[in-house]
Structure formats: C-alpha cells, structure tokens
Amino acid sequence: LGAACQMRRPNIIEFLLGQGETLDISAACVLGLADKVTAFLDADPTLLNKGNKKAHNKHPLNFAEGQPKVTALLKARGAK
C-alpha cells in the first residue's frame, strides 16, 4: 500500500483495499477522501506532519497532490 501511495496509483490502492488492506491516511489522501482524512486527524492529530514509514517517510501533504480539497484541509490544520 505504501508503494502505491508513493506512486499515487489510486487503481492499485483501491485493488489492495478490496483485497483486505487497511485504509490509512496516506491512501485516503491519494484517493481524495477528505472525510476519512478528517477522521484520521481527529483521532490522531500527530498524523498531520508524520511521515509514512512504508512510503519513504512522506507526509500526508505529499500524498494529497492533485486533491485540492484534501490539500486545503491539511494546510488549514497546519500541514508543512
């Protein structure tokens, strides 16, 4: 899942989720799921600027590229 997120491959992410992989904030960012990103951040605000160890420590804002709603949400919460 981390590699698919890093490469921003929504089709692969969706396939992996369909095979039982667990949605994380990185995948939610790539898929543009603002409601899920909000839920992840509400549950654990430290995720905002925390790197994903499965994807070369990239932060949620990196994964939100091309997803304006998610990008705005992350920036509004102080993402760097």
PDB file of N, CA and C in Angstrom:
ATOM      1  N   LEU A   1       0.835  -1.194   0.000  1.00  0.00           N
ATOM      2  CA  LEU A   1       0.000   0.000   0.000  1.00  0.00           C
ATOM      3  C   LEU A   1       0.873   1.249   0.000  1.00  0.00           C
ATOM      4  N   GLY A   2       1.945   1.205   0.768  1.00  0.00           N
ATOM      5  CA  GLY A   2       2.835   2.353   0.829  1.00  0.00           C
ATOM      6  C   GLY A   2       3.406   2.719  -0.534  1.00  0.00           C
ATOM      7  N   ALA A   3       3.829   1.721  -1.292  1.00  0.00           N
ATOM      8  CA  ALA A   3       4.389   1.981  -2.628  1.00  0.00           C
ATOM      9  C   ALA A   3       3.324   2.537  -3.566  1.00  0.00           C
ATOM     10  N   ALA A   4       2.126   2.018  -3.495  1.00  0.00           N
ATOM     11  CA  ALA A   4       1.040   2.521  -4.341  1.00  0.00           C
ATOM     12  C   ALA A   4       0.706   3.969  -3.983  1.00  0.00           C
ATOM     13  N   CYS A   5       0.769   4.295  -2.704  1.00  0.00           N
ATOM     14  CA  CYS A   5       0.538   5.675  -2.276  1.00  0.00           C
ATOM     15  C   CYS A   5       1.657   6.581  -2.771  1.00  0.00           C
ATOM     16  N   GLN A   6       2.867   6.130  -2.606  1.00  0.00           N
ATOM     17  CA  GLN A   6       4.019   6.920  -3.025  1.00  0.00           C
ATOM     18  C   GLN A   6       3.944   7.236  -4.514  1.00  0.00           C
ATOM     19  N   MET A   7       3.484   6.281  -5.293  1.00  0.00           N
ATOM     20  CA  MET A   7       3.384   6.465  -6.741  1.00  0.00           C
ATOM     21  C   MET A   7       2.059   7.117  -7.141  1.00  0.00           C
ATOM     22  N   ARG A   8       1.201   7.385  -6.161  1.00  0.00           N
ATOM     23  CA  ARG A   8      -0.130   7.970  -6.381  1.00  0.00           C
ATOM     24  C   ARG A   8      -0.910   7.164  -7.425  1.00  0.00           C
ATOM     25  N   ARG A   9      -1.087   5.895  -7.117  1.00  0.00           N
ATOM     26  CA  ARG A   9      -1.791   4.978  -8.023  1.00  0.00           C
ATOM     27  C   ARG A   9      -3.116   4.559  -7.402  1.00  0.00           C
ATOM     28  N   PRO A  10      -4.160   5.377  -7.575  1.00  0.00           N
ATOM     29  CA  PRO A  10      -5.448   5.071  -6.949  1.00  0.00           C
ATOM     30  C   PRO A  10      -6.008   3.707  -7.347  1.00  0.00           C
ATOM     31  N   ASN A  11      -5.773   3.295  -8.585  1.00  0.00           N
ATOM     32  CA  ASN A  11      -6.300   1.992  -9.014  1.00  0.00           C
ATOM     33  C   ASN A  11      -5.672   0.851  -8.213  1.00  0.00           C
ATOM     34  N   ILE A  12      -4.385   0.954  -7.938  1.00  0.00           N
ATOM     35  CA  ILE A  12      -3.722  -0.089  -7.155  1.00  0.00           C
ATOM     36  C   ILE A  12      -4.153  -0.008  -5.690  1.00  0.00           C
ATOM     37  N   ILE A  13      -4.279   1.205  -5.184  1.00  0.00           N
ATOM     38  CA  ILE A  13      -4.740   1.382  -3.800  1.00  0.00           C
ATOM     39  C   ILE A  13      -6.116   0.758  -3.631  1.00  0.00           C
ATOM     40  N   GLU A  14      -7.025   1.061  -4.547  1.00  0.00           N
ATOM     41  CA  GLU A  14      -8.381   0.505  -4.456  1.00  0.00           C
ATOM     42  C   GLU A  14      -8.361  -1.015  -4.563  1.00  0.00           C
ATOM     43  N   PHE A  15      -7.511  -1.554  -5.426  1.00  0.00           N
ATOM     44  CA  PHE A  15      -7.388  -3.005  -5.533  1.00  0.00           C
ATOM     45  C   PHE A  15      -6.937  -3.594  -4.200  1.00  0.00           C
ATOM     46  N   LEU A  16      -5.887  -3.015  -3.617  1.00  0.00           N
ATOM     47  CA  LEU A  16      -5.360  -3.524  -2.347  1.00  0.00           C
ATOM     48  C   LEU A  16      -6.391  -3.414  -1.226  1.00  0.00           C
ATOM     49  N   LEU A  17      -7.123  -2.317  -1.195  1.00  0.00           N
ATOM     50  CA  LEU A  17      -8.178  -2.174  -0.180  1.00  0.00           C
ATOM     51  C   LEU A  17      -9.247  -3.253  -0.375  1.00  0.00           C
ATOM     52  N   GLY A  18      -9.547  -3.548  -1.625  1.00  0.00           N
ATOM     53  CA  GLY A  18     -10.514  -4.605  -1.935  1.00  0.00           C
ATOM     54  C   GLY A  18     -10.036  -5.988  -1.534  1.00  0.00           C
ATOM     55  N   GLN A  19      -8.723  -6.140  -1.411  1.00  0.00           N
ATOM     56  CA  GLN A  19      -8.129  -7.417  -1.006  1.00  0.00           C
ATOM     57  C   GLN A  19      -7.935  -7.503   0.505  1.00  0.00           C
ATOM     58  N   GLY A  20      -8.396  -6.473   1.226  1.00  0.00           N
ATOM     59  CA  GLY A  20      -8.341  -6.532   2.679  1.00  0.00           C
ATOM     60  C   GLY A  20      -7.314  -5.633   3.340  1.00  0.00           C
ATOM     61  N   GLU A  21      -6.543  -4.891   2.546  1.00  0.00           N
ATOM     62  CA  GLU A  21      -5.589  -3.942   3.125  1.00  0.00           C
ATOM     63  C   GLU A  21      -6.381  -2.872   3.889  1.00  0.00           C
ATOM     64  N   THR A  22      -5.792  -2.359   4.938  1.00  0.00           N
ATOM     65  CA  THR A  22      -6.463  -1.371   5.771  1.00  0.00           C
ATOM     66  C   THR A  22      -6.165   0.039   5.276  1.00  0.00           C
ATOM     67  N   LEU A  23      -7.209   0.838   5.120  1.00  0.00           N
ATOM     68  CA  LEU A  23      -7.065   2.226   4.706  1.00  0.00           C
ATOM     69  C   LEU A  23      -6.256   2.988   5.748  1.00  0.00           C
ATOM     70  N   ASP A  24      -5.275   3.761   5.278  1.00  0.00           N
ATOM     71  CA  ASP A  24      -4.541   4.642   6.178  1.00  0.00           C
ATOM     72  C   ASP A  24      -4.663   6.069   5.644  1.00  0.00           C
ATOM     73  N   ILE A  25      -4.102   7.027   6.376  1.00  0.00           N
ATOM     74  CA  ILE A  25      -4.248   8.430   5.978  1.00  0.00           C
ATOM     75  C   ILE A  25      -3.586   8.707   4.632  1.00  0.00           C
ATOM     76  N   SER A  26      -2.499   8.044   4.335  1.00  0.00           N
ATOM     77  CA  SER A  26      -1.818   8.250   3.055  1.00  0.00           C
ATOM     78  C   SER A  26      -2.721   7.850   1.892  1.00  0.00           C
ATOM     79  N   ALA A  27      -3.322   6.689   1.994  1.00  0.00           N
ATOM     80  CA  ALA A  27      -4.221   6.216   0.943  1.00  0.00           C
ATOM     81  C   ALA A  27      -5.454   7.119   0.842  1.00  0.00           C
ATOM     82  N   ALA A  28      -5.968   7.551   1.971  1.00  0.00           N
ATOM     83  CA  ALA A  28      -7.122   8.448   1.970  1.00  0.00           C
ATOM     84  C   ALA A  28      -6.786   9.765   1.268  1.00  0.00           C
ATOM     85  N   CYS A  29      -5.564  10.256   1.462  1.00  0.00           N
ATOM     86  CA  CYS A  29      -5.132  11.486   0.786  1.00  0.00           C
ATOM     87  C   CYS A  29      -5.064  11.284  -0.722  1.00  0.00           C
ATOM     88  N   VAL A  30      -4.438  10.200  -1.153  1.00  0.00           N
ATOM     89  CA  VAL A  30      -4.311   9.934  -2.588  1.00  0.00           C
ATOM     90  C   VAL A  30      -5.692   9.799  -3.234  1.00  0.00           C
ATOM     91  N   LEU A  31      -6.602   9.138  -2.528  1.00  0.00           N
ATOM     92  CA  LEU A  31      -7.943   8.909  -3.074  1.00  0.00           C
ATOM     93  C   LEU A  31      -8.861  10.117  -2.949  1.00  0.00           C
ATOM     94  N   GLY A  32      -8.406  11.162  -2.255  1.00  0.00           N
ATOM     95  CA  GLY A  32      -9.224  12.366  -2.106  1.00  0.00           C
ATOM     96  C   GLY A  32     -10.380  12.210  -1.133  1.00  0.00           C
ATOM     97  N   LEU A  33     -10.226  11.323  -0.171  1.00  0.00           N
ATOM     98  CA  LEU A  33     -11.292  11.049   0.796  1.00  0.00           C
ATOM     99  C   LEU A  33     -11.171  11.993   1.993  1.00  0.00           C
ATOM    100  N   ALA A  34     -11.608  13.235   1.790  1.00  0.00           N
ATOM    101  CA  ALA A  34     -11.458  14.272   2.820  1.00  0.00           C
ATOM    102  C   ALA A  34     -12.120  13.884   4.139  1.00  0.00           C
ATOM    103  N   ASP A  35     -13.263  13.216   4.076  1.00  0.00           N
ATOM    104  CA  ASP A  35     -13.944  12.811   5.310  1.00  0.00           C
ATOM    105  C   ASP A  35     -13.111  11.798   6.096  1.00  0.00           C
ATOM    106  N   LYS A  36     -12.458  10.894   5.398  1.00  0.00           N
ATOM    107  CA  LYS A  36     -11.604   9.898   6.071  1.00  0.00           C
ATOM    108  C   LYS A  36     -10.340  10.561   6.619  1.00  0.00           C
ATOM    109  N   VAL A  37      -9.753  11.498   5.852  1.00  0.00           N
ATOM    110  CA  VAL A  37      -8.570  12.218   6.325  1.00  0.00           C
ATOM    111  C   VAL A  37      -8.921  12.973   7.598  1.00  0.00           C
ATOM    112  N   THR A  38     -10.075  13.632   7.610  1.00  0.00           N
ATOM    113  CA  THR A  38     -10.538  14.344   8.802  1.00  0.00           C
ATOM    114  C   THR A  38     -10.664  13.389   9.982  1.00  0.00           C
ATOM    115  N   ALA A  39     -11.236  12.226   9.758  1.00  0.00           N
ATOM    116  CA  ALA A  39     -11.412  11.242  10.835  1.00  0.00           C
ATOM    117  C   ALA A  39     -10.053  10.772  11.371  1.00  0.00           C
ATOM    118  N   PHE A  40      -9.104  10.525  10.483  1.00  0.00           N
ATOM    119  CA  PHE A  40      -7.767  10.115  10.929  1.00  0.00           C
ATOM    120  C   PHE A  40      -7.129  11.205  11.781  1.00  0.00           C
ATOM    121  N   LEU A  41      -7.239  12.458  11.336  1.00  0.00           N
ATOM    122  CA  LEU A  41      -6.625  13.562  12.071  1.00  0.00           C
ATOM    123  C   LEU A  41      -7.335  13.857  13.382  1.00  0.00           C
ATOM    124  N   ASP A  42      -8.640  13.690  13.402  1.00  0.00           N
ATOM    125  CA  ASP A  42      -9.385  13.880  14.657  1.00  0.00           C
ATOM    126  C   ASP A  42      -8.967  12.825  15.677  1.00  0.00           C
ATOM    127  N   ALA A  43      -8.739  11.611  15.206  1.00  0.00           N
ATOM    128  CA  ALA A  43      -8.341  10.513  16.095  1.00  0.00           C
ATOM    129  C   ALA A  43      -6.891  10.643  16.551  1.00  0.00           C
ATOM    130  N   ASP A  44      -6.032  11.173  15.667  1.00  0.00           N
ATOM    131  CA  ASP A  44      -4.604  11.295  15.994  1.00  0.00           C
ATOM    132  C   ASP A  44      -4.010  12.499  15.260  1.00  0.00           C
ATOM    133  N   PRO A  45      -4.054  13.675  15.885  1.00  0.00           N
ATOM    134  CA  PRO A  45      -3.548  14.893  15.242  1.00  0.00           C
ATOM    135  C   PRO A  45      -2.063  14.832  14.862  1.00  0.00           C
ATOM    136  N   THR A  46      -1.297  13.937  15.480  1.00  0.00           N
ATOM    137  CA  THR A  46       0.130  13.848  15.148  1.00  0.00           C
ATOM    138  C   THR A  46       0.361  13.319  13.733  1.00  0.00           C
ATOM    139  N   LEU A  47      -0.652  12.727  13.126  1.00  0.00           N
ATOM    140  CA  LEU A  47      -0.513  12.215  11.759  1.00  0.00           C
ATOM    141  C   LEU A  47      -0.312  13.335  10.740  1.00  0.00           C
ATOM    142  N   LEU A  48      -0.692  14.556  11.096  1.00  0.00           N
ATOM    143  CA  LEU A  48      -0.656  15.682  10.169  1.00  0.00           C
ATOM    144  C   LEU A  48       0.719  15.865   9.536  1.00  0.00           C
ATOM    145  N   ASN A  49       1.757  15.814  10.331  1.00  0.00           N
ATOM    146  CA  ASN A  49       3.112  16.016   9.816  1.00  0.00           C
ATOM    147  C   ASN A  49       4.018  14.817  10.074  1.00  0.00           C
ATOM    148  N   LYS A  50       3.398  13.653  10.193  1.00  0.00           N
ATOM    149  CA  LYS A  50       4.149  12.424  10.449  1.00  0.00           C
ATOM    150  C   LYS A  50       4.395  11.692   9.138  1.00  0.00           C
ATOM    151  N   GLY A  51       5.628  11.247   8.946  1.00  0.00           N
ATOM    152  CA  GLY A  51       5.962  10.517   7.730  1.00  0.00           C
ATOM    153  C   GLY A  51       5.452   9.091   7.760  1.00  0.00           C
ATOM    154  N   ASN A  52       5.117   8.577   6.581  1.00  0.00           N
ATOM    155  CA  ASN A  52       4.671   7.199   6.425  1.00  0.00           C
ATOM    156  C   ASN A  52       5.902   6.327   6.203  1.00  0.00           C
ATOM    157  N   LYS A  53       6.204   5.478   7.155  1.00  0.00           N
ATOM    158  CA  LYS A  53       7.409   4.641   7.077  1.00  0.00           C
ATOM    159  C   LYS A  53       7.367   3.660   5.909  1.00  0.00           C
ATOM    160  N   LYS A  54       6.167   3.329   5.425  1.00  0.00           N
ATOM    161  CA  LYS A  54       6.052   2.414   4.299  1.00  0.00           C
ATOM    162  C   LYS A  54       6.255   3.131   2.959  1.00  0.00           C
ATOM    163  N   ALA A  55       6.351   4.460   3.000  1.00  0.00           N
ATOM    164  CA  ALA A  55       6.469   5.233   1.756  1.00  0.00           C
ATOM    165  C   ALA A  55       7.523   6.329   1.893  1.00  0.00           C
ATOM    166  N   HIS A  56       8.717   5.917   2.265  1.00  0.00           N
ATOM    167  CA  HIS A  56       9.873   6.812   2.341  1.00  0.00           C
ATOM    168  C   HIS A  56       9.632   8.039   3.209  1.00  0.00           C
ATOM    169  N   ASN A  57       8.860   7.882   4.274  1.00  0.00           N
ATOM    170  CA  ASN A  57       8.592   8.949   5.251  1.00  0.00           C
ATOM    171  C   ASN A  57       7.938  10.188   4.657  1.00  0.00           C
ATOM    172  N   LYS A  58       7.207  10.046   3.592  1.00  0.00           N
ATOM    173  CA  LYS A  58       6.467  11.180   3.036  1.00  0.00           C
ATOM    174  C   LYS A  58       5.285  11.499   3.946  1.00  0.00           C
ATOM    175  N   HIS A  59       4.931  12.763   3.978  1.00  0.00           N
ATOM    176  CA  HIS A  59       3.856  13.243   4.841  1.00  0.00           C
ATOM    177  C   HIS A  59       2.533  13.290   4.076  1.00  0.00           C
ATOM    178  N   PRO A  60       1.411  13.378   4.794  1.00  0.00           N
ATOM    179  CA  PRO A  60       0.112  13.413   4.119  1.00  0.00           C
ATOM    180  C   PRO A  60       0.004  14.461   3.013  1.00  0.00           C
ATOM    181  N   LEU A  61       0.599  15.633   3.218  1.00  0.00           N
ATOM    182  CA  LEU A  61       0.515  16.675   2.196  1.00  0.00           C
ATOM    183  C   LEU A  61       1.145  16.219   0.881  1.00  0.00           C
ATOM    184  N   ASN A  62       2.195  15.409   0.951  1.00  0.00           N
ATOM    185  CA  ASN A  62       2.804  14.861  -0.266  1.00  0.00           C
ATOM    186  C   ASN A  62       1.816  13.983  -1.019  1.00  0.00           C
ATOM    187  N   PHE A  63       1.029  13.218  -0.279  1.00  0.00           N
ATOM    188  CA  PHE A  63       0.092  12.285  -0.906  1.00  0.00           C
ATOM    189  C   PHE A  63      -1.158  12.970  -1.432  1.00  0.00           C
ATOM    190  N   ALA A  64      -1.420  14.184  -0.939  1.00  0.00           N
ATOM    191  CA  ALA A  64      -2.633  14.907  -1.328  1.00  0.00           C
ATOM    192  C   ALA A  64      -2.477  15.668  -2.637  1.00  0.00           C
ATOM    193  N   GLU A  65      -1.297  15.604  -3.236  1.00  0.00           N
ATOM    194  CA  GLU A  65      -1.078  16.319  -4.501  1.00  0.00           C
ATOM    195  C   GLU A  65      -2.144  15.918  -5.516  1.00  0.00           C
ATOM    196  N   GLY A  66      -2.763  16.914  -6.129  1.00  0.00           N
ATOM    197  CA  GLY A  66      -3.828  16.648  -7.091  1.00  0.00           C
ATOM    198  C   GLY A  66      -5.197  16.496  -6.461  1.00  0.00           C
ATOM    199  N   GLN A  67      -5.273  16.645  -5.157  1.00  0.00           N
ATOM    200  CA  GLN A  67      -6.541  16.554  -4.430  1.00  0.00           C
ATOM    201  C   GLN A  67      -6.751  17.877  -3.680  1.00  0.00           C
ATOM    202  N   PRO A  68      -7.294  18.902  -4.356  1.00  0.00           N
ATOM    203  CA  PRO A  68      -7.370  20.236  -3.763  1.00  0.00           C
ATOM    204  C   PRO A  68      -8.137  20.303  -2.439  1.00  0.00           C
ATOM    205  N   LYS A  69      -9.199  19.545  -2.315  1.00  0.00           N
ATOM    206  CA  LYS A  69      -9.981  19.576  -1.076  1.00  0.00           C
ATOM    207  C   LYS A  69      -9.160  19.034   0.100  1.00  0.00           C
ATOM    208  N   VAL A  70      -8.464  17.929  -0.137  1.00  0.00           N
ATOM    209  CA  VAL A  70      -7.637  17.330   0.916  1.00  0.00           C
ATOM    210  C   VAL A  70      -6.437  18.225   1.211  1.00  0.00           C
ATOM    211  N   THR A  71      -5.831  18.781   0.177  1.00  0.00           N
ATOM    212  CA  THR A  71      -4.701  19.688   0.374  1.00  0.00           C
ATOM    213  C   THR A  71      -5.119  20.883   1.228  1.00  0.00           C
ATOM    214  N   ALA A  72      -6.259  21.479   0.915  1.00  0.00           N
ATOM    215  CA  ALA A  72      -6.754  22.623   1.689  1.00  0.00           C
ATOM    216  C   ALA A  72      -7.020  22.227   3.137  1.00  0.00           C
ATOM    217  N   LEU A  73      -7.597  21.065   3.341  1.00  0.00           N
ATOM    218  CA  LEU A  73      -7.876  20.570   4.682  1.00  0.00           C
ATOM    219  C   LEU A  73      -6.584  20.428   5.482  1.00  0.00           C
ATOM    220  N   LEU A  74      -5.592  19.804   4.885  1.00  0.00           N
ATOM    221  CA  LEU A  74      -4.316  19.596   5.566  1.00  0.00           C
ATOM    222  C   LEU A  74      -3.631  20.922   5.889  1.00  0.00           C
ATOM    223  N   LYS A  75      -3.614  21.839   4.931  1.00  0.00           N
ATOM    224  CA  LYS A  75      -2.988  23.132   5.156  1.00  0.00           C
ATOM    225  C   LYS A  75      -3.717  23.938   6.226  1.00  0.00           C
ATOM    226  N   ALA A  76      -5.050  23.838   6.237  1.00  0.00           N
ATOM    227  CA  ALA A  76      -5.839  24.549   7.239  1.00  0.00           C
ATOM    228  C   ALA A  76      -5.514  24.052   8.652  1.00  0.00           C
ATOM    229  N   ARG A  77      -5.089  22.812   8.738  1.00  0.00           N
ATOM    230  CA  ARG A  77      -4.728  22.243  10.038  1.00  0.00           C
ATOM    231  C   ARG A  77      -3.245  22.420  10.371  1.00  0.00           C
ATOM    232  N   GLY A  78      -2.497  23.047   9.455  1.00  0.00           N
ATOM    233  CA  GLY A  78      -1.106  23.351   9.736  1.00  0.00           C
ATOM    234  C   GLY A  78      -0.078  22.424   9.130  1.00  0.00           C
ATOM    235  N   ALA A  79      -0.475  21.673   8.101  1.00  0.00           N
ATOM    236  CA  ALA A  79       0.489  20.751   7.463  1.00  0.00           C
ATOM    237  C   ALA A  79       1.629  21.524   6.842  1.00  0.00           C
ATOM    238  N   LYS A  80       2.803  20.912   6.909  1.00  0.00           N
ATOM    239  CA  LYS A  80       4.010  21.535   6.342  1.00  0.00           C
ATOM    240  C   LYS A  80       4.582  20.665   5.259  1.00  0.00           C
TER     241      LYS A  80
END
